Amino acid sequence: MYLYLPKLQNEEIYAPIAGEVKSLSEVSDPAFSQETMGKGIAILPSEGRVVSPIHGVVSVAFKKKHAVLLTSDDGAEVLIHVGIDTVKLGGKHFTLHVNQGDRVNVGDLILEFDRESIIQEGFDIITPVIISNTSDYAGITAVSQTTVKEKDALLKLNV
């Protein structure tokens, strides 16, 4: 099987969730706050929807439905991880609308989650948006804003 790897380009990543923008340093999980998994930003969701922040494909649709990894047409690998330790919910309160290999465009619905039920079960719903191939970029810059709507500019990637 031939795997197409696009040549990296400067790229803009859009907000996959409406909510309050937070620094990764504010995320309680050190894998995110210490940027072990890559650079990015976090969003405290005001709604229970995740849309595609890129034009590309679904690289991984996690079985527990709490996260997806997307690869953009320009080469960015974007991990969207809804909540902290939400993998422990086993998919409860999540509805995944995509499968691995699906083509997505900016704004396409990827997953939905029940914010209130997740919070009631004791989980933090802050959602890291991580560029997992951070080392491929010369710079990753957050677009300066305190709140976002779906599809607002969120991150700028420079090669």
N, C-alpha and C. Protein backbone atom coordinates (compact mmCIF):
# COMPACT_ATOMS: atom_id res chain seq x y z
N MET A 1 0.85 -1.18 0.00
CA MET A 1 0.00 0.00 0.00
C MET A 1 0.89 1.24 0.00
N TYR A 2 0.58 2.19 -0.84
CA TYR A 2 1.33 3.44 -0.93
C TYR A 2 0.68 4.48 -0.02
N LEU A 3 1.47 5.09 0.85
CA LEU A 3 0.97 6.11 1.76
C LEU A 3 1.44 7.46 1.28
N TYR A 4 0.52 8.35 1.01
CA TYR A 4 0.87 9.69 0.56
C TYR A 4 1.18 10.56 1.75
N LEU A 5 2.38 11.11 1.78
CA LEU A 5 2.77 12.04 2.83
C LEU A 5 2.94 13.42 2.20
N PRO A 6 2.06 14.35 2.52
CA PRO A 6 2.14 15.67 1.90
C PRO A 6 3.38 16.44 2.35
N LYS A 7 3.84 17.33 1.49
CA LYS A 7 4.94 18.22 1.86
C LYS A 7 4.35 19.26 2.81
N LEU A 8 5.01 19.43 3.97
CA LEU A 8 4.49 20.37 4.95
C LEU A 8 4.45 21.78 4.40
N GLN A 9 3.39 22.48 4.75
CA GLN A 9 3.19 23.87 4.33
C GLN A 9 2.80 24.69 5.56
N ASN A 10 2.97 26.01 5.45
CA ASN A 10 2.40 26.88 6.48
C ASN A 10 0.90 26.60 6.49
N GLU A 11 0.31 26.63 7.67
CA GLU A 11 -1.08 26.21 7.76
C GLU A 11 -1.77 26.88 8.94
N GLU A 12 -3.08 27.04 8.81
CA GLU A 12 -3.88 27.55 9.92
C GLU A 12 -4.80 26.43 10.38
N ILE A 13 -4.87 26.27 11.70
CA ILE A 13 -5.75 25.28 12.31
C ILE A 13 -6.90 26.05 12.93
N TYR A 14 -8.12 25.59 12.69
CA TYR A 14 -9.31 26.29 13.15
C TYR A 14 -9.84 25.64 14.43
N ALA A 15 -10.65 26.38 15.17
CA ALA A 15 -11.20 25.89 16.43
C ALA A 15 -12.17 24.73 16.18
N PRO A 16 -11.92 23.59 16.82
CA PRO A 16 -12.83 22.46 16.66
C PRO A 16 -14.03 22.51 17.62
N ILE A 17 -13.94 23.42 18.61
CA ILE A 17 -14.96 23.50 19.66
C ILE A 17 -15.15 24.97 20.02
N ALA A 18 -16.38 25.34 20.33
CA ALA A 18 -16.64 26.68 20.86
C ALA A 18 -16.33 26.67 22.35
N GLY A 19 -15.71 27.76 22.82
CA GLY A 19 -15.44 27.84 24.25
C GLY A 19 -14.35 28.83 24.59
N GLU A 20 -13.85 28.68 25.81
CA GLU A 20 -12.84 29.58 26.36
C GLU A 20 -11.44 29.02 26.08
N VAL A 21 -10.58 29.83 25.48
CA VAL A 21 -9.23 29.41 25.13
C VAL A 21 -8.34 29.45 26.37
N LYS A 22 -7.58 28.38 26.57
CA LYS A 22 -6.67 28.25 27.71
C LYS A 22 -5.29 27.83 27.21
N SER A 23 -4.28 28.17 27.98
CA SER A 23 -2.92 27.70 27.70
C SER A 23 -2.84 26.23 28.08
N LEU A 24 -1.98 25.47 27.38
CA LEU A 24 -1.79 24.07 27.77
C LEU A 24 -1.28 23.95 29.19
N SER A 25 -0.56 24.96 29.67
CA SER A 25 -0.03 24.92 31.04
C SER A 25 -1.15 24.88 32.08
N GLU A 26 -2.37 25.22 31.69
CA GLU A 26 -3.52 25.19 32.59
C GLU A 26 -4.21 23.83 32.64
N VAL A 27 -3.75 22.89 31.82
CA VAL A 27 -4.34 21.55 31.78
C VAL A 27 -3.72 20.71 32.89
N SER A 28 -4.56 20.00 33.66
CA SER A 28 -4.08 19.26 34.83
C SER A 28 -3.22 18.04 34.49
N ASP A 29 -3.34 17.51 33.28
CA ASP A 29 -2.56 16.33 32.88
C ASP A 29 -1.20 16.77 32.37
N PRO A 30 -0.10 16.33 33.03
CA PRO A 30 1.24 16.77 32.62
C PRO A 30 1.63 16.38 31.20
N ALA A 31 1.04 15.32 30.66
CA ALA A 31 1.34 14.94 29.27
C ALA A 31 0.96 16.08 28.32
N PHE A 32 -0.06 16.84 28.68
CA PHE A 32 -0.48 17.98 27.87
C PHE A 32 0.19 19.27 28.36
N SER A 33 0.16 19.52 29.67
CA SER A 33 0.65 20.80 30.20
C SER A 33 2.15 20.98 29.99
N GLN A 34 2.90 19.88 29.95
CA GLN A 34 4.34 19.97 29.73
C GLN A 34 4.71 19.78 28.26
N GLU A 35 3.69 19.74 27.41
CA GLU A 35 3.84 19.64 25.95
C GLU A 35 4.57 18.38 25.52
N THR A 36 4.47 17.32 26.32
CA THR A 36 5.07 16.03 25.98
C THR A 36 4.48 15.48 24.68
N MET A 37 3.20 15.70 24.48
CA MET A 37 2.52 15.18 23.29
C MET A 37 2.58 16.15 22.12
N GLY A 38 3.08 17.37 22.37
CA GLY A 38 3.19 18.38 21.32
C GLY A 38 2.67 19.72 21.80
N LYS A 39 2.93 20.73 21.00
CA LYS A 39 2.44 22.08 21.30
C LYS A 39 0.99 22.20 20.85
N GLY A 40 0.31 23.20 21.40
CA GLY A 40 -1.07 23.43 21.02
C GLY A 40 -1.73 24.39 21.96
N ILE A 41 -3.01 24.18 22.16
CA ILE A 41 -3.84 25.06 22.96
C ILE A 41 -4.94 24.20 23.58
N ALA A 42 -5.61 24.69 24.57
CA ALA A 42 -6.75 23.96 25.15
C ALA A 42 -7.99 24.85 25.07
N ILE A 43 -9.13 24.21 25.02
CA ILE A 43 -10.41 24.92 24.99
C ILE A 43 -11.30 24.33 26.07
N LEU A 44 -11.88 25.21 26.89
CA LEU A 44 -12.89 24.79 27.85
C LEU A 44 -14.23 24.90 27.11
N PRO A 45 -14.81 23.77 26.71
CA PRO A 45 -15.98 23.78 25.82
C PRO A 45 -17.23 24.43 26.42
N SER A 46 -17.90 25.22 25.58
CA SER A 46 -19.20 25.77 25.97
C SER A 46 -20.33 24.96 25.35
N GLU A 47 -19.98 24.04 24.45
CA GLU A 47 -20.95 23.16 23.79
C GLU A 47 -20.35 21.76 23.73
N GLY A 48 -21.17 20.79 23.42
CA GLY A 48 -20.72 19.41 23.33
C GLY A 48 -20.53 18.92 21.91
N ARG A 49 -19.87 19.74 21.09
CA ARG A 49 -19.63 19.37 19.68
C ARG A 49 -18.16 19.57 19.35
N VAL A 50 -17.64 18.67 18.52
CA VAL A 50 -16.29 18.81 17.97
C VAL A 50 -16.42 18.74 16.46
N VAL A 51 -15.89 19.76 15.77
CA VAL A 51 -15.89 19.77 14.31
C VAL A 51 -14.45 19.71 13.82
N SER A 52 -14.27 19.38 12.57
CA SER A 52 -12.93 19.29 12.01
C SER A 52 -12.28 20.68 11.94
N PRO A 53 -11.04 20.79 12.43
CA PRO A 53 -10.31 22.05 12.34
C PRO A 53 -9.46 22.16 11.07
N ILE A 54 -9.53 21.13 10.22
CA ILE A 54 -8.67 21.06 9.03
C ILE A 54 -9.42 20.39 7.87
N HIS A 55 -8.81 20.48 6.69
CA HIS A 55 -9.21 19.66 5.55
C HIS A 55 -8.23 18.50 5.55
N GLY A 56 -8.71 17.27 5.61
CA GLY A 56 -7.80 16.13 5.64
C GLY A 56 -8.52 14.83 5.89
N VAL A 57 -7.85 13.94 6.65
CA VAL A 57 -8.41 12.62 6.92
C VAL A 57 -8.36 12.31 8.41
N VAL A 58 -9.23 11.39 8.82
CA VAL A 58 -9.23 10.89 10.19
C VAL A 58 -8.17 9.79 10.25
N SER A 59 -7.06 10.06 10.93
CA SER A 59 -5.98 9.08 11.05
C SER A 59 -6.30 8.02 12.09
N VAL A 60 -6.85 8.47 13.22
CA VAL A 60 -7.24 7.55 14.30
C VAL A 60 -8.56 8.04 14.90
N ALA A 61 -9.53 7.16 14.95
CA ALA A 61 -10.78 7.41 15.67
C ALA A 61 -10.74 6.48 16.88
N PHE A 62 -10.41 7.01 18.04
CA PHE A 62 -10.19 6.19 19.23
C PHE A 62 -11.47 5.43 19.62
N LYS A 63 -11.32 4.16 19.96
CA LYS A 63 -12.46 3.30 20.28
C LYS A 63 -13.29 3.81 21.45
N LYS A 64 -12.66 4.52 22.37
CA LYS A 64 -13.38 5.05 23.54
C LYS A 64 -14.09 6.37 23.21
N LYS A 65 -13.95 6.83 21.97
CA LYS A 65 -14.68 7.98 21.40
C LYS A 65 -14.32 9.33 22.00
N HIS A 66 -13.34 9.39 22.88
CA HIS A 66 -12.99 10.62 23.58
C HIS A 66 -11.97 11.49 22.83
N ALA A 67 -11.40 10.95 21.76
CA ALA A 67 -10.34 11.66 21.04
C ALA A 67 -10.28 11.21 19.59
N VAL A 68 -9.73 12.11 18.76
CA VAL A 68 -9.46 11.78 17.35
C VAL A 68 -8.12 12.39 16.96
N LEU A 69 -7.46 11.74 16.02
CA LEU A 69 -6.24 12.27 15.43
C LEU A 69 -6.53 12.47 13.96
N LEU A 70 -6.34 13.71 13.50
CA LEU A 70 -6.59 14.06 12.11
C LEU A 70 -5.27 14.43 11.45
N THR A 71 -5.14 14.16 10.16
CA THR A 71 -3.98 14.61 9.40
C THR A 71 -4.48 15.50 8.28
N SER A 72 -3.96 16.73 8.27
CA SER A 72 -4.42 17.70 7.27
C SER A 72 -3.78 17.43 5.92
N ASP A 73 -4.37 17.99 4.89
CA ASP A 73 -3.83 17.86 3.54
C ASP A 73 -2.44 18.47 3.43
N ASP A 74 -2.11 19.39 4.33
CA ASP A 74 -0.79 20.03 4.33
C ASP A 74 0.17 19.40 5.34
N GLY A 75 -0.23 18.31 5.98
CA GLY A 75 0.69 17.54 6.80
C GLY A 75 0.59 17.68 8.30
N ALA A 76 -0.24 18.57 8.82
CA ALA A 76 -0.35 18.72 10.27
C ALA A 76 -1.11 17.53 10.87
N GLU A 77 -0.59 17.02 11.99
CA GLU A 77 -1.26 15.96 12.74
C GLU A 77 -1.90 16.61 13.96
N VAL A 78 -3.23 16.60 14.00
CA VAL A 78 -3.96 17.33 15.04
C VAL A 78 -4.72 16.34 15.92
N LEU A 79 -4.33 16.32 17.20
CA LEU A 79 -5.00 15.49 18.18
C LEU A 79 -6.00 16.36 18.94
N ILE A 80 -7.25 15.92 18.99
CA ILE A 80 -8.29 16.59 19.77
C ILE A 80 -8.71 15.60 20.85
N HIS A 81 -8.45 15.95 22.10
CA HIS A 81 -8.68 15.04 23.23
C HIS A 81 -9.70 15.69 24.16
N VAL A 82 -10.94 15.21 24.12
CA VAL A 82 -12.01 15.81 24.91
C VAL A 82 -11.89 15.38 26.37
N GLY A 83 -11.53 16.34 27.21
CA GLY A 83 -11.47 16.09 28.65
C GLY A 83 -10.19 15.41 29.09
N ILE A 84 -10.04 15.32 30.40
CA ILE A 84 -8.88 14.70 31.03
C ILE A 84 -9.31 13.37 31.64
N ASP A 85 -8.60 12.31 31.30
CA ASP A 85 -8.88 10.94 31.78
C ASP A 85 -10.25 10.42 31.34
N THR A 86 -10.86 11.05 30.34
CA THR A 86 -12.18 10.62 29.87
C THR A 86 -12.15 9.27 29.17
N VAL A 87 -10.96 8.77 28.87
CA VAL A 87 -10.84 7.41 28.33
C VAL A 87 -11.48 6.42 29.30
N LYS A 88 -11.45 6.75 30.59
CA LYS A 88 -12.02 5.88 31.63
C LYS A 88 -13.53 5.73 31.51
N LEU A 89 -14.18 6.61 30.77
CA LEU A 89 -15.63 6.52 30.57
C LEU A 89 -15.99 5.42 29.56
N GLY A 90 -15.02 4.92 28.84
CA GLY A 90 -15.26 3.81 27.90
C GLY A 90 -16.21 4.14 26.77
N GLY A 91 -16.29 5.41 26.41
CA GLY A 91 -17.18 5.82 25.32
C GLY A 91 -18.52 6.36 25.79
N LYS A 92 -18.83 6.17 27.07
CA LYS A 92 -20.09 6.67 27.63
C LYS A 92 -20.11 8.19 27.53
N HIS A 93 -21.20 8.75 27.10
CA HIS A 93 -21.44 10.19 26.93
C HIS A 93 -20.81 10.76 25.65
N PHE A 94 -20.28 9.90 24.78
CA PHE A 94 -19.67 10.33 23.52
C PHE A 94 -20.36 9.66 22.34
N THR A 95 -20.53 10.42 21.25
CA THR A 95 -21.03 9.87 20.00
C THR A 95 -20.05 10.27 18.90
N LEU A 96 -19.40 9.29 18.32
CA LEU A 96 -18.42 9.52 17.26
C LEU A 96 -19.14 9.49 15.92
N HIS A 97 -18.87 10.49 15.08
CA HIS A 97 -19.55 10.57 13.78
C HIS A 97 -18.62 10.28 12.61
N VAL A 98 -17.38 9.86 12.89
CA VAL A 98 -16.42 9.56 11.82
C VAL A 98 -15.74 8.22 12.10
N ASN A 99 -15.13 7.69 11.07
CA ASN A 99 -14.33 6.47 11.19
C ASN A 99 -12.93 6.74 10.67
N GLN A 100 -12.00 5.91 11.09
CA GLN A 100 -10.64 6.03 10.60
C GLN A 100 -10.65 5.95 9.08
N GLY A 101 -9.91 6.87 8.45
CA GLY A 101 -9.84 6.90 6.99
C GLY A 101 -10.84 7.84 6.33
N ASP A 102 -11.82 8.32 7.09
CA ASP A 102 -12.82 9.24 6.52
C ASP A 102 -12.16 10.57 6.13
N ARG A 103 -12.64 11.14 5.06
CA ARG A 103 -12.21 12.47 4.62
C ARG A 103 -13.06 13.50 5.38
N VAL A 104 -12.42 14.57 5.87
CA VAL A 104 -13.14 15.62 6.59
C VAL A 104 -12.73 16.99 6.06
N ASN A 105 -13.63 17.93 6.18
CA ASN A 105 -13.37 19.32 5.83
C ASN A 105 -13.64 20.20 7.04
N VAL A 106 -13.08 21.38 7.04
CA VAL A 106 -13.27 22.31 8.16
C VAL A 106 -14.77 22.46 8.43
N GLY A 107 -15.16 22.23 9.69
CA GLY A 107 -16.56 22.39 10.10
C GLY A 107 -17.37 21.12 10.10
N ASP A 108 -16.85 20.02 9.52
CA ASP A 108 -17.59 18.75 9.55
C ASP A 108 -17.69 18.24 10.98
N LEU A 109 -18.87 17.76 11.37
CA LEU A 109 -19.08 17.23 12.71
C LEU A 109 -18.29 15.93 12.88
N ILE A 110 -17.45 15.89 13.93
CA ILE A 110 -16.62 14.71 14.20
C ILE A 110 -17.20 13.90 15.36
N LEU A 111 -17.49 14.59 16.46
CA LEU A 111 -18.08 13.89 17.58
C LEU A 111 -18.90 14.84 18.43
N GLU A 112 -19.77 14.24 19.23
CA GLU A 112 -20.58 14.99 20.19
C GLU A 112 -20.38 14.35 21.55
N PHE A 113 -20.51 15.18 22.59
CA PHE A 113 -20.36 14.67 23.95
C PHE A 113 -21.31 15.42 24.86
N ASP A 114 -21.71 14.74 25.93
CA ASP A 114 -22.64 15.30 26.90
C ASP A 114 -21.82 15.97 28.00
N ARG A 115 -21.62 17.28 27.87
CA ARG A 115 -20.78 18.05 28.81
C ARG A 115 -21.20 17.83 30.26
N GLU A 116 -22.48 18.02 30.53
CA GLU A 116 -22.98 17.97 31.90
C GLU A 116 -22.78 16.59 32.52
N SER A 117 -23.06 15.54 31.78
CA SER A 117 -22.91 14.18 32.32
C SER A 117 -21.44 13.87 32.61
N ILE A 118 -20.54 14.31 31.75
CA ILE A 118 -19.10 14.07 31.96
C ILE A 118 -18.65 14.82 33.22
N ILE A 119 -19.08 16.05 33.37
CA ILE A 119 -18.73 16.84 34.56
C ILE A 119 -19.31 16.19 35.82
N GLN A 120 -20.58 15.74 35.74
CA GLN A 120 -21.23 15.09 36.90
C GLN A 120 -20.49 13.83 37.33
N GLU A 121 -19.84 13.17 36.37
CA GLU A 121 -19.07 11.97 36.71
C GLU A 121 -17.68 12.32 37.26
N GLY A 122 -17.40 13.63 37.38
CA GLY A 122 -16.16 14.06 38.02
C GLY A 122 -14.99 14.31 37.10
N PHE A 123 -15.25 14.42 35.81
CA PHE A 123 -14.17 14.63 34.85
C PHE A 123 -14.07 16.09 34.42
N ASP A 124 -12.86 16.54 34.21
CA ASP A 124 -12.57 17.87 33.67
C ASP A 124 -12.78 17.79 32.16
N ILE A 125 -13.55 18.72 31.59
CA ILE A 125 -13.83 18.66 30.15
C ILE A 125 -12.90 19.54 29.31
N ILE A 126 -11.88 20.15 29.93
CA ILE A 126 -10.94 20.95 29.14
C ILE A 126 -10.40 20.07 28.01
N THR A 127 -10.31 20.63 26.82
CA THR A 127 -9.99 19.85 25.63
C THR A 127 -8.72 20.34 24.96
N PRO A 128 -7.61 19.61 25.13
CA PRO A 128 -6.39 19.97 24.42
C PRO A 128 -6.52 19.73 22.91
N VAL A 129 -5.97 20.68 22.15
CA VAL A 129 -5.87 20.56 20.70
C VAL A 129 -4.37 20.63 20.43
N ILE A 130 -3.79 19.48 20.07
CA ILE A 130 -2.34 19.30 20.03
C ILE A 130 -1.86 19.06 18.60
N ILE A 131 -0.75 19.68 18.24
CA ILE A 131 -0.08 19.36 16.98
C ILE A 131 0.94 18.27 17.33
N SER A 132 0.59 17.03 17.02
CA SER A 132 1.41 15.91 17.49
C SER A 132 2.73 15.78 16.72
N ASN A 133 2.83 16.41 15.57
CA ASN A 133 4.11 16.43 14.84
C ASN A 133 4.76 17.82 14.98
N THR A 134 4.75 18.34 16.20
CA THR A 134 5.30 19.65 16.52
C THR A 134 6.72 19.83 15.98
N SER A 135 7.55 18.81 16.10
CA SER A 135 8.96 18.93 15.71
C SER A 135 9.13 19.18 14.21
N ASP A 136 8.10 18.96 13.41
CA ASP A 136 8.17 19.22 11.97
C ASP A 136 8.02 20.69 11.63
N TYR A 137 7.68 21.52 12.62
CA TYR A 137 7.40 22.94 12.38
C TYR A 137 8.42 23.83 13.06
N ALA A 138 8.75 24.94 12.39
CA ALA A 138 9.66 25.94 12.97
C ALA A 138 8.92 26.73 14.06
N GLY A 139 7.62 26.91 13.89
CA GLY A 139 6.85 27.67 14.86
C GLY A 139 5.39 27.28 14.88
N ILE A 140 4.83 27.27 16.07
CA ILE A 140 3.39 27.05 16.27
C ILE A 140 2.93 28.17 17.18
N THR A 141 2.02 29.00 16.67
CA THR A 141 1.59 30.18 17.39
C THR A 141 0.09 30.17 17.58
N ALA A 142 -0.35 30.44 18.81
CA ALA A 142 -1.78 30.56 19.08
C ALA A 142 -2.27 31.91 18.58
N VAL A 143 -3.42 31.92 17.94
CA VAL A 143 -4.05 33.17 17.54
C VAL A 143 -4.63 33.78 18.82
N SER A 144 -4.27 35.02 19.09
CA SER A 144 -4.60 35.64 20.37
C SER A 144 -6.09 35.95 20.50
N GLN A 145 -6.76 35.19 21.35
CA GLN A 145 -8.16 35.45 21.68
C GLN A 145 -8.53 34.67 22.93
N THR A 146 -9.56 35.11 23.61
CA THR A 146 -9.94 34.46 24.87
C THR A 146 -11.08 33.47 24.70
N THR A 147 -11.92 33.68 23.69
CA THR A 147 -12.98 32.73 23.39
C THR A 147 -13.02 32.50 21.89
N VAL A 148 -13.51 31.32 21.51
CA VAL A 148 -13.62 30.98 20.10
C VAL A 148 -14.98 30.35 19.83
N LYS A 149 -15.39 30.48 18.59
CA LYS A 149 -16.53 29.75 18.06
C LYS A 149 -15.95 28.68 17.14
N GLU A 150 -16.73 27.67 16.83
CA GLU A 150 -16.28 26.66 15.86
C GLU A 150 -15.80 27.38 14.61
N LYS A 151 -14.68 26.92 14.07
CA LYS A 151 -14.10 27.39 12.80
C LYS A 151 -13.39 28.73 12.90
N ASP A 152 -13.27 29.34 14.10
CA ASP A 152 -12.43 30.53 14.26
C ASP A 152 -10.97 30.10 14.12
N ALA A 153 -10.11 31.01 13.68
CA ALA A 153 -8.67 30.72 13.62
C ALA A 153 -8.19 30.41 15.03
N LEU A 154 -7.35 29.38 15.19
CA LEU A 154 -6.87 28.96 16.50
C LEU A 154 -5.35 28.91 16.59
N LEU A 155 -4.71 28.25 15.62
CA LEU A 155 -3.25 28.09 15.62
C LEU A 155 -2.70 28.38 14.24
N LYS A 156 -1.50 28.97 14.21
CA LYS A 156 -0.77 29.14 12.95
C LYS A 156 0.48 28.29 13.01
N LEU A 157 0.69 27.46 11.97
CA LEU A 157 1.85 26.59 11.89
C LEU A 157 2.76 27.11 10.79
N ASN A 158 4.05 27.26 11.11
CA ASN A 158 5.02 27.73 10.13
C ASN A 158 6.11 26.69 9.97
N VAL A 159 6.45 26.39 8.71
CA VAL A 159 7.51 25.41 8.44
C VAL A 159 8.87 26.07 8.43
